[in-house]
Amino acid sequence: MANLSGARWRKSTRSGDNGGACVEVADNLTGIVAVRDSKDQTGPALTFTPTAWATFVTATKTTNRTH
C-alpha cells in the first residue's frame, strides 16, 4: 500500500457546488497519483502511475469534446 501521508489533495477547478460529489487528486507524490472520494477523505484511495493517470486525463478530455 502506498504511503499517502504527504499527499496534497485538490479538486478540479471545474468542480461546482454539487454537495461534495467530487474526486480529489494528489499528484505531488513520487511515482504515483492518488485519487479519492471527497466525501470520504479518510476512506480508501486509488493509486495510478503518472503515465496511467495522464492517459486517463487525456482520454476523458477527448471524450468530453466528442459528446
Protein backbone atom coordinates (compact mmCIF):
# COMPACT_ATOMS: atom_id res chain seq x y z
CA MET A 1 0.00 0.00 0.00
CA ALA A 2 1.29 3.44 -0.92
CA ASN A 3 2.20 5.97 1.76
CA LEU A 4 -0.15 8.91 1.19
CA SER A 5 0.76 10.85 4.34
CA GLY A 6 2.41 13.63 2.31
CA ALA A 7 -0.40 13.90 -0.23
CA ARG A 8 -1.66 17.37 -1.11
CA TRP A 9 -5.23 16.79 -2.23
CA ARG A 10 -7.07 19.06 -4.65
CA LYS A 11 -10.37 19.13 -6.50
CA SER A 12 -10.81 20.20 -10.09
CA THR A 13 -11.31 23.89 -10.65
CA ARG A 14 -14.39 22.79 -12.61
CA SER A 15 -15.99 21.24 -9.53
CA GLY A 16 -19.20 23.01 -8.79
CA ASP A 17 -21.33 23.29 -5.69
CA ASN A 18 -22.81 19.81 -6.07
CA GLY A 19 -22.90 18.72 -2.45
CA GLY A 20 -19.36 17.38 -2.41
CA ALA A 21 -19.79 14.69 -5.06
CA CYS A 22 -16.26 15.10 -6.38
CA VAL A 23 -12.98 13.29 -6.53
CA GLU A 24 -9.75 14.70 -5.20
CA VAL A 25 -6.35 14.08 -6.73
CA ALA A 26 -2.89 14.15 -5.17
CA ASP A 27 -0.21 14.39 -7.83
CA ASN A 28 2.66 15.61 -5.68
CA LEU A 29 3.86 12.15 -4.63
CA THR A 30 6.88 10.46 -6.20
CA GLY A 31 5.89 7.78 -8.69
CA ILE A 32 2.14 7.73 -8.01
CA VAL A 33 -1.02 9.76 -8.44
CA ALA A 34 -3.71 9.15 -5.82
CA VAL A 35 -7.46 9.67 -6.25
CA ARG A 36 -10.12 9.62 -3.51
CA ASP A 37 -13.77 10.45 -2.90
CA SER A 38 -14.07 13.95 -1.46
CA LYS A 39 -16.98 12.81 0.75
CA ASP A 40 -14.84 10.10 2.38
CA GLN A 41 -11.45 11.71 2.93
CA THR A 42 -10.33 9.04 5.39
CA GLY A 43 -11.50 6.22 3.16
CA PRO A 44 -9.57 4.32 0.51
CA ALA A 45 -7.73 5.91 -2.38
CA LEU A 46 -6.90 4.55 -5.78
CA THR A 47 -3.33 4.94 -6.99
CA PHE A 48 -2.02 5.13 -10.53
CA THR A 49 1.33 5.59 -12.19
CA PRO A 50 1.78 9.12 -13.53
CA THR A 51 1.71 7.71 -17.08
CA ALA A 52 -1.57 5.85 -16.50
CA TRP A 53 -3.12 8.96 -14.91
CA ALA A 54 -2.02 11.18 -17.82
CA THR A 55 -3.52 8.67 -20.27
CA PHE A 56 -6.81 8.69 -18.35
CA VAL A 57 -6.97 12.50 -18.22
CA THR A 58 -6.20 12.79 -21.93
CA ALA A 59 -8.85 10.19 -22.78
CA THR A 60 -11.52 11.95 -20.71
CA LYS A 61 -10.74 15.30 -22.33
CA THR A 62 -11.04 13.71 -25.77
CA THR A 63 -14.31 12.01 -24.84
CA ASN A 64 -15.78 15.25 -23.47
CA ARG A 65 -15.05 17.01 -26.77
CA THR A 66 -16.84 14.39 -28.83
CA HIS A 67 -20.10 14.40 -26.82
